Amino acid sequence: YCFHFPGSYIIPLPKHPNLKAHQQYPVAGLISIGSSMIFSVSDKSAAIVPTINYYMFENVDLTLMLNFYIGDEGKVFSSTLGNGGFIRAQVYF
C-alpha cells in the first residue's frame, strides 16, 4: 500500500517490518526543507533524516542532510550507530 499526499508519502515496505515517511516543503523561492523517517515496527527504533535543499543555480542543487538514530543497543536503528550528516552538491547536465 502507498499513501501519497502532495509533498509527502508513507510506504510500508513488504519485505521488512519498517515504515518510511517523507515530507518536503518549499520555504522560500530557492530553499526547501524536508524530513524523512524510517520506523522499525519489530523493535520500535527509528532513523530521522532532516534535509535542507538550496537550489543555487539552474541545474545546481546543494543539500544538507543529517541523520539521527533512535533506539536501544542491538536494535535496527540503534543510537550506538552514531549520528551524522553530509553536504551534497548536484549538477545536472
Protein backbone atom coordinates (compact mmCIF):
# COMPACT_ATOMS: atom_id res chain seq x y z
CA TYR A 1 0.00 0.00 0.00
CA CYS A 2 1.16 3.55 -0.69
CA PHE A 3 -0.45 6.65 0.72
CA HIS A 4 0.53 9.77 -1.21
CA PHE A 5 -0.17 13.38 -0.32
CA PRO A 6 1.28 16.43 -2.07
CA GLY A 7 4.80 16.85 -0.69
CA SER A 8 4.81 13.65 1.40
CA TYR A 9 4.41 9.90 1.28
CA ILE A 10 4.26 6.90 3.59
CA ILE A 11 5.22 3.48 2.25
CA PRO A 12 5.14 0.24 4.26
CA LEU A 13 7.96 -1.95 2.96
CA PRO A 14 6.60 -5.50 2.45
CA LYS A 15 9.85 -7.48 2.96
CA HIS A 16 10.79 -5.71 6.19
CA PRO A 17 8.59 -4.62 9.08
CA ASN A 18 9.52 -0.95 8.56
CA LEU A 19 7.57 2.19 7.70
CA LYS A 20 9.06 5.11 5.78
CA ALA A 21 7.65 8.64 5.71
CA HIS A 22 8.92 11.71 3.86
CA GLN A 23 7.81 15.34 3.68
CA GLN A 24 9.32 18.26 1.80
CA TYR A 25 8.05 21.82 1.55
CA PRO A 26 9.37 25.00 -0.08
CA VAL A 27 10.10 27.77 2.45
CA ALA A 28 11.47 30.34 0.00
CA GLY A 29 11.97 30.60 -3.73
CA LEU A 30 15.25 28.68 -3.73
CA ILE A 31 15.07 26.74 -0.44
CA SER A 32 13.04 23.75 0.69
CA ILE A 33 13.14 21.80 3.93
CA GLY A 34 12.21 18.20 4.41
CA SER A 35 12.32 15.29 6.76
CA SER A 36 12.34 11.54 6.35
CA MET A 37 11.75 8.89 8.99
CA ILE A 38 12.17 5.14 8.92
CA PHE A 39 10.48 3.29 11.77
CA SER A 40 11.20 -0.35 12.58
CA VAL A 41 7.91 -1.90 13.65
CA SER A 42 9.57 -5.01 15.06
CA ASP A 43 11.86 -3.28 17.59
CA LYS A 44 10.40 0.25 17.72
CA SER A 45 13.61 2.03 16.70
CA ALA A 46 13.78 4.84 14.16
CA ALA A 47 16.03 6.91 11.93
CA ILE A 48 15.16 10.58 11.39
CA VAL A 49 16.73 12.44 8.46
CA PRO A 50 16.10 16.21 8.20
CA THR A 51 17.17 17.92 4.96
CA ILE A 52 17.61 21.42 3.58
CA ASN A 53 17.82 21.89 -0.20
CA TYR A 54 19.18 25.05 -1.75
CA TYR A 55 18.68 25.40 -5.50
CA MET A 56 21.73 27.58 -6.15
CA PHE A 57 21.51 27.97 -9.91
CA GLU A 58 19.71 26.35 -12.79
CA ASN A 59 20.76 22.68 -12.71
CA VAL A 60 22.81 23.08 -9.48
CA ASP A 61 21.47 21.91 -6.09
CA LEU A 62 23.10 21.93 -2.66
CA THR A 63 21.67 19.59 0.00
CA LEU A 64 22.42 19.43 3.73
CA MET A 65 21.30 16.12 5.20
CA LEU A 66 21.58 14.94 8.82
CA ASN A 67 20.73 11.56 10.33
CA PHE A 68 19.68 10.71 13.88
CA TYR A 69 19.20 7.16 15.15
CA ILE A 70 16.78 6.47 18.00
CA GLY A 71 16.87 3.01 19.54
CA ASP A 72 18.47 0.86 22.19
CA GLU A 73 21.68 -1.07 21.59
CA GLY A 74 21.12 -4.05 19.30
CA LYS A 75 18.09 -2.51 17.58
CA VAL A 76 17.90 -1.89 13.81
CA PHE A 77 18.39 1.87 14.24
CA SER A 78 20.43 1.79 17.45
CA SER A 79 21.67 5.14 18.77
CA THR A 80 25.10 3.48 19.08
CA LEU A 81 25.35 3.71 15.28
CA GLY A 82 26.12 7.39 15.80
CA ASN A 83 24.56 10.46 14.24
CA GLY A 84 25.97 12.30 11.28
CA GLY A 85 25.36 14.28 8.18
CA PHE A 86 26.74 15.45 4.89
CA ILE A 87 26.55 18.17 2.29
CA ARG A 88 25.92 17.13 -1.31
CA ALA A 89 26.24 19.24 -4.45
CA GLN A 90 24.45 18.02 -7.59
CA VAL A 91 25.00 19.32 -11.09
CA TYR A 92 22.59 18.29 -13.83
CA PHE A 93 23.61 18.34 -17.48
